N, C-alpha and C. Protein backbone atom coordinates (compact mmCIF):
# COMPACT_ATOMS: atom_id res chain seq x y z
N MET A 1 175.18 45.44 -33.10
CA MET A 1 176.14 44.90 -32.13
C MET A 1 177.41 44.47 -32.86
N SER A 2 178.59 44.84 -32.34
CA SER A 2 179.84 44.49 -32.99
C SER A 2 180.07 42.99 -32.87
N ALA A 3 180.97 42.49 -33.74
CA ALA A 3 181.28 41.05 -33.73
C ALA A 3 181.88 40.63 -32.40
N VAL A 4 182.72 41.51 -31.82
CA VAL A 4 183.36 41.19 -30.54
C VAL A 4 182.32 41.09 -29.43
N LYS A 5 181.41 42.07 -29.38
CA LYS A 5 180.36 42.05 -28.35
C LYS A 5 179.45 40.85 -28.53
N SER A 6 179.16 40.53 -29.78
CA SER A 6 178.31 39.38 -30.07
C SER A 6 178.96 38.09 -29.59
N THR A 7 180.26 37.96 -29.81
CA THR A 7 180.99 36.77 -29.38
C THR A 7 181.03 36.67 -27.86
N VAL A 8 181.29 37.79 -27.20
CA VAL A 8 181.32 37.82 -25.74
C VAL A 8 179.96 37.44 -25.17
N ARG A 9 178.91 37.99 -25.77
CA ARG A 9 177.56 37.69 -25.31
C ARG A 9 177.24 36.20 -25.50
N ALA A 10 177.63 35.66 -26.65
CA ALA A 10 177.38 34.25 -26.92
C ALA A 10 178.12 33.36 -25.93
N GLU A 11 179.36 33.70 -25.63
CA GLU A 11 180.14 32.91 -24.66
C GLU A 11 179.51 32.98 -23.28
N ALA A 12 179.02 34.15 -22.90
CA ALA A 12 178.37 34.32 -21.60
C ALA A 12 177.09 33.48 -21.52
N GLN A 13 176.32 33.48 -22.59
CA GLN A 13 175.09 32.68 -22.63
C GLN A 13 175.42 31.19 -22.55
N ARG A 14 176.43 30.81 -23.29
CA ARG A 14 176.83 29.40 -23.30
C ARG A 14 177.29 28.96 -21.91
N GLU A 15 178.07 29.79 -21.25
CA GLU A 15 178.54 29.48 -19.90
C GLU A 15 177.37 29.41 -18.92
N ARG A 16 176.41 30.29 -19.10
CA ARG A 16 175.22 30.28 -18.25
C ARG A 16 174.46 28.96 -18.38
N ILE A 17 174.35 28.46 -19.60
CA ILE A 17 173.67 27.19 -19.85
C ILE A 17 174.45 26.04 -19.22
N LEU A 18 175.77 26.03 -19.40
CA LEU A 18 176.59 24.95 -18.85
C LEU A 18 176.54 24.93 -17.34
N THR A 19 176.56 26.10 -16.72
CA THR A 19 176.49 26.18 -15.26
C THR A 19 175.15 25.64 -14.76
N ALA A 20 174.08 26.02 -15.43
CA ALA A 20 172.75 25.53 -15.05
C ALA A 20 172.65 24.03 -15.28
N ALA A 21 173.21 23.54 -16.38
CA ALA A 21 173.14 22.10 -16.68
C ALA A 21 173.91 21.30 -15.64
N ARG A 22 175.10 21.76 -15.26
CA ARG A 22 175.85 21.05 -14.22
C ARG A 22 175.03 20.94 -12.95
N LYS A 23 174.38 22.02 -12.57
CA LYS A 23 173.57 22.03 -11.35
C LYS A 23 172.41 21.04 -11.47
N CYS A 24 171.73 21.05 -12.59
CA CYS A 24 170.58 20.15 -12.79
C CYS A 24 171.01 18.70 -12.85
N PHE A 25 172.12 18.42 -13.54
CA PHE A 25 172.60 17.04 -13.65
C PHE A 25 172.99 16.49 -12.27
N ILE A 26 173.61 17.33 -11.45
CA ILE A 26 174.02 16.90 -10.12
C ILE A 26 172.81 16.66 -9.23
N GLU A 27 171.83 17.57 -9.29
CA GLU A 27 170.68 17.49 -8.40
C GLU A 27 169.67 16.41 -8.81
N HIS A 28 169.51 16.21 -10.13
CA HIS A 28 168.43 15.32 -10.59
C HIS A 28 168.92 14.11 -11.38
N GLY A 29 170.21 14.08 -11.73
CA GLY A 29 170.68 13.02 -12.60
C GLY A 29 170.52 13.42 -14.05
N PHE A 30 171.32 12.80 -14.92
CA PHE A 30 171.36 13.21 -16.32
C PHE A 30 170.00 13.01 -17.00
N HIS A 31 169.39 11.86 -16.79
CA HIS A 31 168.15 11.56 -17.52
C HIS A 31 166.95 12.29 -16.94
N ALA A 32 166.94 12.51 -15.63
CA ALA A 32 165.79 13.19 -15.01
C ALA A 32 165.82 14.70 -15.26
N ALA A 33 167.00 15.24 -15.49
CA ALA A 33 167.12 16.68 -15.75
C ALA A 33 166.65 16.98 -17.16
N SER A 34 165.60 17.74 -17.30
CA SER A 34 165.06 18.06 -18.63
C SER A 34 165.66 19.36 -19.16
N MET A 35 165.51 19.57 -20.44
CA MET A 35 165.94 20.84 -21.03
C MET A 35 165.13 21.98 -20.42
N ALA A 36 163.89 21.70 -20.07
CA ALA A 36 163.05 22.73 -19.44
C ALA A 36 163.62 23.12 -18.08
N SER A 37 164.08 22.13 -17.31
CA SER A 37 164.64 22.45 -15.98
C SER A 37 165.95 23.21 -16.12
N ILE A 38 166.74 22.87 -17.14
CA ILE A 38 167.99 23.60 -17.37
C ILE A 38 167.68 25.05 -17.75
N ALA A 39 166.69 25.24 -18.63
CA ALA A 39 166.29 26.59 -19.04
C ALA A 39 165.79 27.39 -17.84
N GLU A 40 164.99 26.75 -16.99
CA GLU A 40 164.46 27.45 -15.81
C GLU A 40 165.59 27.84 -14.86
N THR A 41 166.53 26.93 -14.65
CA THR A 41 167.67 27.20 -13.77
C THR A 41 168.52 28.33 -14.32
N ALA A 42 168.70 28.35 -15.64
CA ALA A 42 169.51 29.39 -16.28
C ALA A 42 168.73 30.69 -16.47
N ASP A 43 167.41 30.62 -16.25
CA ASP A 43 166.51 31.77 -16.44
C ASP A 43 166.56 32.28 -17.87
N ILE A 44 166.47 31.31 -18.79
CA ILE A 44 166.42 31.63 -20.22
C ILE A 44 165.37 30.73 -20.86
N SER A 45 165.09 30.94 -22.12
CA SER A 45 164.11 30.11 -22.82
C SER A 45 164.76 28.83 -23.33
N ILE A 46 163.93 27.79 -23.49
CA ILE A 46 164.44 26.54 -24.06
C ILE A 46 164.97 26.80 -25.47
N GLY A 47 164.28 27.65 -26.21
CA GLY A 47 164.70 27.95 -27.56
C GLY A 47 166.11 28.50 -27.63
N LEU A 48 166.49 29.29 -26.63
CA LEU A 48 167.84 29.85 -26.60
C LEU A 48 168.88 28.75 -26.38
N ILE A 49 168.53 27.78 -25.54
CA ILE A 49 169.46 26.66 -25.32
C ILE A 49 169.72 25.94 -26.64
N TYR A 50 168.64 25.72 -27.41
CA TYR A 50 168.79 24.98 -28.66
C TYR A 50 169.54 25.77 -29.73
N ARG A 51 169.74 27.05 -29.51
CA ARG A 51 170.60 27.83 -30.42
C ARG A 51 172.06 27.42 -30.24
N TYR A 52 172.39 26.93 -29.06
CA TYR A 52 173.78 26.59 -28.75
C TYR A 52 174.04 25.09 -28.70
N PHE A 53 173.03 24.32 -28.31
CA PHE A 53 173.20 22.87 -28.16
C PHE A 53 172.00 22.13 -28.72
N GLU A 54 172.27 21.02 -29.43
CA GLU A 54 171.18 20.24 -30.00
C GLU A 54 170.42 19.45 -28.94
N GLY A 55 171.09 19.12 -27.83
CA GLY A 55 170.44 18.36 -26.78
C GLY A 55 171.37 18.19 -25.58
N LYS A 56 170.93 17.39 -24.62
CA LYS A 56 171.68 17.23 -23.38
C LYS A 56 173.04 16.57 -23.61
N ASN A 57 173.11 15.64 -24.57
CA ASN A 57 174.38 14.98 -24.82
C ASN A 57 175.45 15.96 -25.30
N GLU A 58 175.03 16.91 -26.12
CA GLU A 58 175.98 17.94 -26.57
C GLU A 58 176.41 18.83 -25.40
N ILE A 59 175.51 19.05 -24.47
CA ILE A 59 175.87 19.83 -23.28
C ILE A 59 176.91 19.09 -22.46
N ILE A 60 176.72 17.78 -22.30
CA ILE A 60 177.69 16.97 -21.56
C ILE A 60 179.07 17.03 -22.22
N VAL A 61 179.10 16.90 -23.55
CA VAL A 61 180.38 16.98 -24.27
C VAL A 61 181.03 18.34 -24.05
N ALA A 62 180.25 19.40 -24.06
CA ALA A 62 180.79 20.75 -23.83
C ALA A 62 181.34 20.89 -22.42
N ILE A 63 180.67 20.29 -21.44
CA ILE A 63 181.16 20.33 -20.05
C ILE A 63 182.49 19.59 -19.96
N ILE A 64 182.59 18.43 -20.62
CA ILE A 64 183.84 17.67 -20.61
C ILE A 64 184.97 18.49 -21.23
N GLU A 65 184.70 19.13 -22.36
CA GLU A 65 185.73 19.94 -23.02
C GLU A 65 186.14 21.12 -22.16
N GLN A 66 185.16 21.73 -21.48
CA GLN A 66 185.46 22.84 -20.58
C GLN A 66 186.33 22.38 -19.41
N GLN A 67 185.98 21.23 -18.84
CA GLN A 67 186.76 20.69 -17.72
C GLN A 67 188.18 20.37 -18.15
N LEU A 68 188.34 19.88 -19.38
CA LEU A 68 189.69 19.57 -19.87
C LEU A 68 190.53 20.83 -19.94
N THR A 69 189.96 21.91 -20.45
CA THR A 69 190.70 23.17 -20.54
C THR A 69 191.13 23.65 -19.16
N LEU A 70 190.20 23.58 -18.19
CA LEU A 70 190.49 24.03 -16.83
C LEU A 70 191.56 23.15 -16.17
N LEU A 71 191.41 21.83 -16.32
CA LEU A 71 192.35 20.92 -15.67
C LEU A 71 193.73 21.02 -16.27
N ARG A 72 193.82 21.17 -17.58
CA ARG A 72 195.13 21.29 -18.22
C ARG A 72 195.83 22.58 -17.78
N ALA A 73 195.06 23.62 -17.56
CA ALA A 73 195.66 24.86 -17.06
C ALA A 73 196.21 24.65 -15.66
N ASP A 74 195.49 23.89 -14.82
CA ASP A 74 195.98 23.58 -13.48
C ASP A 74 197.23 22.70 -13.54
N LEU A 75 197.20 21.69 -14.41
CA LEU A 75 198.34 20.78 -14.52
C LEU A 75 199.60 21.51 -14.99
N ALA A 76 199.43 22.52 -15.82
CA ALA A 76 200.58 23.28 -16.31
C ALA A 76 201.29 24.02 -15.18
N LEU A 77 200.60 24.25 -14.07
CA LEU A 77 201.17 24.97 -12.94
C LEU A 77 201.77 24.06 -11.88
N LEU A 78 201.59 22.73 -12.04
CA LEU A 78 202.10 21.80 -11.04
C LEU A 78 203.63 21.79 -11.04
N ASP A 79 204.20 21.69 -9.86
CA ASP A 79 205.63 21.40 -9.74
C ASP A 79 205.82 20.53 -8.52
N ASN A 80 207.05 20.07 -8.31
CA ASN A 80 207.28 19.10 -7.25
C ASN A 80 207.25 19.70 -5.85
N SER A 81 207.02 21.01 -5.75
CA SER A 81 206.88 21.62 -4.42
C SER A 81 205.42 21.55 -3.94
N VAL A 82 204.50 21.18 -4.84
CA VAL A 82 203.08 21.08 -4.49
C VAL A 82 202.87 19.87 -3.58
N ASP A 83 202.13 20.07 -2.50
CA ASP A 83 201.74 18.95 -1.64
C ASP A 83 200.53 18.30 -2.29
N LEU A 84 200.82 17.35 -3.19
CA LEU A 84 199.75 16.74 -3.97
C LEU A 84 198.78 15.95 -3.09
N ALA A 85 199.29 15.33 -2.05
CA ALA A 85 198.43 14.58 -1.13
C ALA A 85 197.41 15.51 -0.49
N ALA A 86 197.85 16.68 -0.06
CA ALA A 86 196.94 17.65 0.56
C ALA A 86 195.92 18.16 -0.45
N ARG A 87 196.38 18.42 -1.67
CA ARG A 87 195.47 18.93 -2.69
C ARG A 87 194.41 17.90 -3.06
N LEU A 88 194.83 16.65 -3.22
CA LEU A 88 193.88 15.60 -3.57
C LEU A 88 192.91 15.32 -2.42
N ALA A 89 193.43 15.35 -1.20
CA ALA A 89 192.56 15.11 -0.04
C ALA A 89 191.53 16.21 0.08
N GLU A 90 191.95 17.43 -0.12
CA GLU A 90 191.03 18.56 0.01
C GLU A 90 189.98 18.54 -1.10
N GLY A 91 190.43 18.26 -2.34
CA GLY A 91 189.49 18.21 -3.46
C GLY A 91 188.87 16.84 -3.64
N CYS A 92 189.37 15.85 -2.88
CA CYS A 92 188.90 14.46 -2.91
C CYS A 92 188.74 13.95 -4.33
N GLY A 93 189.85 13.93 -5.06
CA GLY A 93 189.83 13.27 -6.35
C GLY A 93 189.97 14.17 -7.56
N THR A 94 190.26 15.43 -7.37
CA THR A 94 190.45 16.31 -8.51
C THR A 94 191.64 17.22 -8.27
N CYS A 95 192.40 17.48 -9.32
CA CYS A 95 193.51 18.44 -9.23
C CYS A 95 193.02 19.86 -9.45
N GLY A 96 191.77 20.02 -9.80
CA GLY A 96 191.24 21.35 -10.11
C GLY A 96 191.30 22.29 -8.92
N THR A 97 191.58 23.56 -9.17
CA THR A 97 191.70 24.53 -8.09
C THR A 97 190.55 25.53 -8.06
N ASN A 98 189.59 25.39 -8.96
CA ASN A 98 188.46 26.31 -9.01
C ASN A 98 187.20 25.59 -8.54
N PRO A 99 186.84 25.71 -7.24
CA PRO A 99 185.71 24.95 -6.71
C PRO A 99 184.41 25.20 -7.44
N ALA A 100 184.20 26.42 -7.92
CA ALA A 100 182.93 26.76 -8.58
C ALA A 100 182.76 26.00 -9.89
N ARG A 101 183.87 25.60 -10.54
CA ARG A 101 183.78 24.94 -11.84
C ARG A 101 184.39 23.54 -11.81
N ARG A 102 184.68 23.04 -10.60
CA ARG A 102 185.25 21.71 -10.46
C ARG A 102 184.18 20.67 -10.77
N LEU A 103 184.60 19.59 -11.43
CA LEU A 103 183.67 18.52 -11.76
C LEU A 103 183.36 17.73 -10.51
N SER A 104 182.09 17.70 -10.12
CA SER A 104 181.70 17.02 -8.89
C SER A 104 181.78 15.51 -9.08
N PRO A 105 182.00 14.76 -7.99
CA PRO A 105 182.02 13.30 -8.09
C PRO A 105 180.73 12.74 -8.69
N ALA A 106 179.59 13.30 -8.28
CA ALA A 106 178.31 12.80 -8.79
C ALA A 106 178.21 12.99 -10.30
N LEU A 107 178.64 14.14 -10.80
CA LEU A 107 178.57 14.40 -12.23
C LEU A 107 179.58 13.54 -12.99
N PHE A 108 180.74 13.31 -12.37
CA PHE A 108 181.74 12.41 -12.96
C PHE A 108 181.14 11.03 -13.19
N LEU A 109 180.40 10.52 -12.20
CA LEU A 109 179.79 9.20 -12.32
C LEU A 109 178.69 9.20 -13.38
N GLU A 110 177.90 10.28 -13.42
CA GLU A 110 176.85 10.39 -14.44
C GLU A 110 177.45 10.36 -15.84
N MET A 111 178.52 11.10 -16.03
CA MET A 111 179.16 11.15 -17.35
C MET A 111 179.75 9.80 -17.72
N SER A 112 180.39 9.15 -16.76
CA SER A 112 181.02 7.85 -17.03
C SER A 112 179.97 6.83 -17.43
N ALA A 113 178.83 6.83 -16.74
CA ALA A 113 177.75 5.90 -17.07
C ALA A 113 177.18 6.20 -18.45
N GLU A 114 176.99 7.48 -18.75
CA GLU A 114 176.41 7.86 -20.05
C GLU A 114 177.36 7.52 -21.19
N ALA A 115 178.67 7.54 -20.92
CA ALA A 115 179.66 7.22 -21.96
C ALA A 115 179.52 5.78 -22.44
N THR A 116 178.97 4.89 -21.61
CA THR A 116 178.79 3.50 -22.03
C THR A 116 177.65 3.37 -23.03
N ARG A 117 176.83 4.43 -23.16
CA ARG A 117 175.68 4.38 -24.06
C ARG A 117 175.79 5.35 -25.23
N ASP A 118 176.64 6.36 -25.10
CA ASP A 118 176.71 7.39 -26.13
C ASP A 118 178.13 7.51 -26.68
N PRO A 119 178.35 7.18 -27.95
CA PRO A 119 179.71 7.20 -28.51
C PRO A 119 180.37 8.58 -28.48
N LYS A 120 179.58 9.64 -28.64
CA LYS A 120 180.17 10.99 -28.63
C LYS A 120 180.71 11.34 -27.24
N ILE A 121 179.95 10.99 -26.21
CA ILE A 121 180.41 11.24 -24.85
C ILE A 121 181.62 10.36 -24.54
N ALA A 122 181.58 9.10 -24.99
CA ALA A 122 182.72 8.21 -24.79
C ALA A 122 183.97 8.77 -25.46
N ALA A 123 183.82 9.28 -26.68
CA ALA A 123 184.97 9.85 -27.40
C ALA A 123 185.51 11.08 -26.69
N ALA A 124 184.61 11.92 -26.17
CA ALA A 124 185.04 13.12 -25.45
C ALA A 124 185.79 12.75 -24.18
N LEU A 125 185.30 11.74 -23.45
CA LEU A 125 185.99 11.31 -22.23
C LEU A 125 187.32 10.65 -22.54
N ASN A 126 187.38 9.90 -23.63
CA ASN A 126 188.65 9.28 -24.03
C ASN A 126 189.68 10.35 -24.39
N ALA A 127 189.24 11.38 -25.10
CA ALA A 127 190.15 12.48 -25.44
C ALA A 127 190.61 13.20 -24.18
N PHE A 128 189.68 13.40 -23.25
CA PHE A 128 190.00 14.02 -21.96
C PHE A 128 191.08 13.21 -21.24
N ASP A 129 190.83 11.89 -21.11
CA ASP A 129 191.77 11.03 -20.39
C ASP A 129 193.14 11.02 -21.05
N GLY A 130 193.16 10.93 -22.38
CA GLY A 130 194.44 10.89 -23.08
C GLY A 130 195.24 12.17 -22.91
N ALA A 131 194.57 13.31 -23.01
CA ALA A 131 195.26 14.59 -22.88
C ALA A 131 195.79 14.79 -21.46
N VAL A 132 194.97 14.47 -20.47
CA VAL A 132 195.39 14.63 -19.07
C VAL A 132 196.54 13.68 -18.75
N ARG A 133 196.42 12.44 -19.20
CA ARG A 133 197.49 11.47 -18.94
C ARG A 133 198.80 11.92 -19.56
N GLY A 134 198.73 12.48 -20.76
CA GLY A 134 199.94 12.99 -21.40
C GLY A 134 200.56 14.14 -20.64
N ASP A 135 199.72 15.05 -20.12
CA ASP A 135 200.23 16.18 -19.35
C ASP A 135 200.87 15.72 -18.04
N ILE A 136 200.24 14.74 -17.39
CA ILE A 136 200.80 14.22 -16.14
C ILE A 136 202.13 13.53 -16.40
N ALA A 137 202.20 12.73 -17.45
CA ALA A 137 203.45 12.04 -17.78
C ALA A 137 204.55 13.04 -18.10
N ALA A 138 204.21 14.11 -18.83
CA ALA A 138 205.22 15.13 -19.16
C ALA A 138 205.72 15.82 -17.89
N TRP A 139 204.82 16.09 -16.95
CA TRP A 139 205.22 16.70 -15.67
C TRP A 139 206.15 15.76 -14.91
N MET A 140 205.81 14.48 -14.84
CA MET A 140 206.64 13.53 -14.10
C MET A 140 208.02 13.38 -14.74
N SER A 141 208.10 13.53 -16.07
CA SER A 141 209.36 13.34 -16.78
C SER A 141 210.30 14.54 -16.69
N ARG A 142 209.72 15.72 -16.40
CA ARG A 142 210.58 16.91 -16.30
C ARG A 142 211.61 16.73 -15.19
N GLY A 143 212.76 17.36 -15.37
CA GLY A 143 213.78 17.30 -14.34
C GLY A 143 213.32 17.96 -13.06
N LYS A 144 213.93 17.59 -11.94
CA LYS A 144 213.52 18.15 -10.65
C LYS A 144 213.76 19.65 -10.60
N ASP A 145 214.79 20.11 -11.31
CA ASP A 145 215.06 21.55 -11.35
C ASP A 145 214.02 22.30 -12.19
N GLN A 146 213.20 21.55 -12.92
CA GLN A 146 212.12 22.14 -13.72
C GLN A 146 210.75 21.86 -13.11
N GLY A 147 210.75 21.39 -11.87
CA GLY A 147 209.48 21.16 -11.17
C GLY A 147 208.90 19.78 -11.34
N GLY A 148 209.62 18.89 -12.02
CA GLY A 148 209.12 17.53 -12.21
C GLY A 148 209.78 16.55 -11.26
N TYR A 149 209.79 15.28 -11.68
CA TYR A 149 210.35 14.24 -10.82
C TYR A 149 211.46 13.45 -11.52
N GLY A 150 211.78 13.83 -12.74
CA GLY A 150 212.87 13.18 -13.44
C GLY A 150 212.64 11.72 -13.75
N GLN A 151 211.39 11.34 -13.95
CA GLN A 151 211.12 9.94 -14.27
C GLN A 151 211.52 9.65 -15.72
N PRO A 152 212.03 8.47 -15.98
CA PRO A 152 212.34 8.13 -17.37
C PRO A 152 211.07 8.09 -18.21
N GLU A 153 211.17 8.49 -19.45
CA GLU A 153 209.99 8.55 -20.32
C GLU A 153 209.41 7.17 -20.61
N THR A 154 210.19 6.13 -20.36
CA THR A 154 209.67 4.77 -20.52
C THR A 154 208.76 4.38 -19.34
N LEU A 155 208.86 5.12 -18.24
CA LEU A 155 208.09 4.80 -17.03
C LEU A 155 206.94 5.76 -16.79
N SER A 156 207.12 7.03 -17.15
CA SER A 156 206.15 8.06 -16.77
C SER A 156 204.73 7.81 -17.30
N PRO A 157 204.53 7.26 -18.52
CA PRO A 157 203.14 7.01 -18.94
C PRO A 157 202.41 6.02 -18.03
N ALA A 158 203.11 4.97 -17.57
CA ALA A 158 202.48 4.00 -16.68
C ALA A 158 202.19 4.63 -15.33
N ARG A 159 203.11 5.45 -14.84
CA ARG A 159 202.90 6.12 -13.55
C ARG A 159 201.76 7.13 -13.67
N ALA A 160 201.68 7.81 -14.81
CA ALA A 160 200.59 8.77 -15.02
C ALA A 160 199.24 8.06 -15.02
N LEU A 161 199.19 6.89 -15.67
CA LEU A 161 197.96 6.10 -15.67
C LEU A 161 197.59 5.68 -14.26
N LEU A 162 198.58 5.28 -13.48
CA LEU A 162 198.32 4.87 -12.10
C LEU A 162 197.76 6.03 -11.28
N LEU A 163 198.34 7.22 -11.46
CA LEU A 163 197.85 8.39 -10.73
C LEU A 163 196.44 8.75 -11.18
N GLN A 164 196.19 8.64 -12.47
CA GLN A 164 194.85 8.92 -13.01
C GLN A 164 193.82 7.96 -12.42
N CYS A 165 194.17 6.68 -12.33
CA CYS A 165 193.27 5.69 -11.74
C CYS A 165 193.01 6.00 -10.27
N LEU A 166 194.03 6.45 -9.57
CA LEU A 166 193.88 6.81 -8.17
C LEU A 166 192.91 7.98 -8.01
N ILE A 167 193.08 9.00 -8.85
CA ILE A 167 192.21 10.18 -8.78
C ILE A 167 190.77 9.81 -9.13
N ASP A 168 190.59 8.99 -10.16
CA ASP A 168 189.24 8.56 -10.52
C ASP A 168 188.61 7.76 -9.39
N GLY A 169 189.40 6.92 -8.75
CA GLY A 169 188.90 6.16 -7.60
C GLY A 169 188.48 7.06 -6.46
N LEU A 170 189.21 8.14 -6.25
CA LEU A 170 188.85 9.09 -5.21
C LEU A 170 187.53 9.78 -5.51
N LYS A 171 187.26 10.00 -6.80
CA LYS A 171 185.98 10.61 -7.17
C LYS A 171 184.82 9.68 -6.82
N VAL A 172 185.01 8.39 -7.10
CA VAL A 172 183.97 7.42 -6.76
C VAL A 172 183.80 7.36 -5.24
N ARG A 173 184.91 7.34 -4.51
CA ARG A 173 184.84 7.30 -3.05
C ARG A 173 184.16 8.54 -2.51
N ALA A 174 184.42 9.70 -3.10
CA ALA A 174 183.79 10.94 -2.64
C ALA A 174 182.29 10.91 -2.86
N ALA A 175 181.86 10.29 -3.97
CA ALA A 175 180.43 10.18 -4.24
C ALA A 175 179.75 9.26 -3.25
N ARG A 176 180.43 8.17 -2.90
CA ARG A 176 179.84 7.19 -2.00
C ARG A 176 180.01 7.56 -0.53
N GLU A 177 181.06 8.30 -0.23
CA GLU A 177 181.36 8.63 1.17
C GLU A 177 181.71 10.12 1.27
N PRO A 178 180.72 11.00 1.11
CA PRO A 178 181.00 12.44 1.08
C PRO A 178 181.60 13.00 2.37
N GLU A 179 181.40 12.31 3.48
CA GLU A 179 181.96 12.76 4.75
C GLU A 179 183.27 12.06 5.09
N LEU A 180 183.95 11.58 4.09
CA LEU A 180 185.22 10.88 4.29
C LEU A 180 186.20 11.75 5.09
N ASP A 181 186.86 11.14 6.06
CA ASP A 181 187.84 11.81 6.91
C ASP A 181 189.03 12.24 6.05
N LYS A 182 189.17 13.54 5.81
CA LYS A 182 190.23 14.03 4.91
C LYS A 182 191.61 13.93 5.55
N ILE A 183 191.67 13.93 6.88
CA ILE A 183 192.97 13.74 7.54
C ILE A 183 193.45 12.31 7.30
N LEU A 184 192.53 11.37 7.44
CA LEU A 184 192.87 9.97 7.18
C LEU A 184 193.22 9.77 5.71
N LEU A 185 192.49 10.42 4.83
CA LEU A 185 192.76 10.30 3.40
C LEU A 185 194.14 10.85 3.07
N LYS A 186 194.50 11.99 3.64
CA LYS A 186 195.83 12.55 3.37
C LYS A 186 196.92 11.60 3.88
N GLN A 187 196.68 11.00 5.04
CA GLN A 187 197.65 10.05 5.58
C GLN A 187 197.85 8.89 4.61
N ALA A 188 196.74 8.39 4.06
CA ALA A 188 196.82 7.29 3.10
C ALA A 188 197.57 7.72 1.83
N LEU A 189 197.27 8.93 1.35
CA LEU A 189 197.92 9.43 0.14
C LEU A 189 199.41 9.68 0.37
N ASP A 190 199.76 10.14 1.56
CA ASP A 190 201.18 10.34 1.89
C ASP A 190 201.95 9.02 1.84
N GLU A 191 201.24 7.93 2.11
CA GLU A 191 201.88 6.62 2.07
C GLU A 191 202.15 6.17 0.64
N ILE A 192 201.22 6.44 -0.27
CA ILE A 192 201.29 5.84 -1.60
C ILE A 192 201.89 6.75 -2.66
N LEU A 193 201.67 8.07 -2.57
CA LEU A 193 202.09 8.97 -3.65
C LEU A 193 203.59 9.00 -3.92
N PRO A 194 204.45 8.95 -2.87
CA PRO A 194 205.88 8.94 -3.20
C PRO A 194 206.28 7.77 -4.10
N ALA A 195 205.63 6.63 -3.93
CA ALA A 195 205.95 5.47 -4.77
C ALA A 195 205.52 5.69 -6.22
N VAL A 196 204.53 6.54 -6.43
CA VAL A 196 204.05 6.83 -7.78
C VAL A 196 204.87 7.95 -8.42
N LEU A 197 205.22 8.95 -7.62
CA LEU A 197 205.84 10.16 -8.17
C LEU A 197 207.35 10.09 -8.30
N GLU A 198 208.00 9.50 -7.33
CA GLU A 198 209.47 9.54 -7.31
C GLU A 198 210.06 8.61 -8.35
N SER A 199 211.13 9.08 -8.97
CA SER A 199 211.83 8.26 -9.96
C SER A 199 212.58 7.13 -9.24
N PRO A 200 212.58 5.92 -9.82
CA PRO A 200 213.33 4.83 -9.20
C PRO A 200 214.82 5.14 -9.19
N VAL A 201 215.48 4.71 -8.14
CA VAL A 201 216.92 4.97 -8.00
C VAL A 201 217.70 4.14 -9.00
C-alpha cells in the first residue's frame, strides 16, 4: 500500500472512531461509554482503536481539536451580512454550519465537566477558547467594507468574550431546554446582538 493510501486509510479510520465516540458519549455519557461500545458502534475492534488513541480522554482531545478546525473554517467565512441571530437560533449556540459534525450541547457539557478533572482536556478546551475568541475579535475589528464591524482593537477582545459567553450559555440552554422556541430565541438575540457587534459611535 502506498504512503498516500495508507494515510488516507488511517484518517478514515480515525474519523470513524471519532464519529462513533461522539455518538456514544452523547447517548451514554463520557464515563458510561466504554471503549467496547465505541468499537461496536464503529464496527471495528477495540485493538484498532488503541492503535490511534490511548484511551477515551485522548479521543475527547481529538474531538475538541477537530471541532476547532471546523469552527475556525466557519468563522473565516463570517461577514457582517450574516444574520447571526438567525444562525445562532437555528443552531442554538453554535456557529458551526455542518450539522453532522456539530458539537452537541450534551457533549459540550460532558467535555466541560471532564475538563475540571483532566488537565489535558482542560488545556485543549483552553486552546479552543483562545483561538476562537481571537478569530471572533479579528472579525469584529475588520472594517465594514471587509465584512467586519470596525470595532477598535481595544474593545473587540472584550466583545468577543461576551459573544463567546453568550454562545456557551445557549449550549447549556439547548441541553436543558431542547424544545426551546427558536422564534422567541431569535427575537431575544435580535435585541442583544447589535449591542455586542456594532462599534460604539
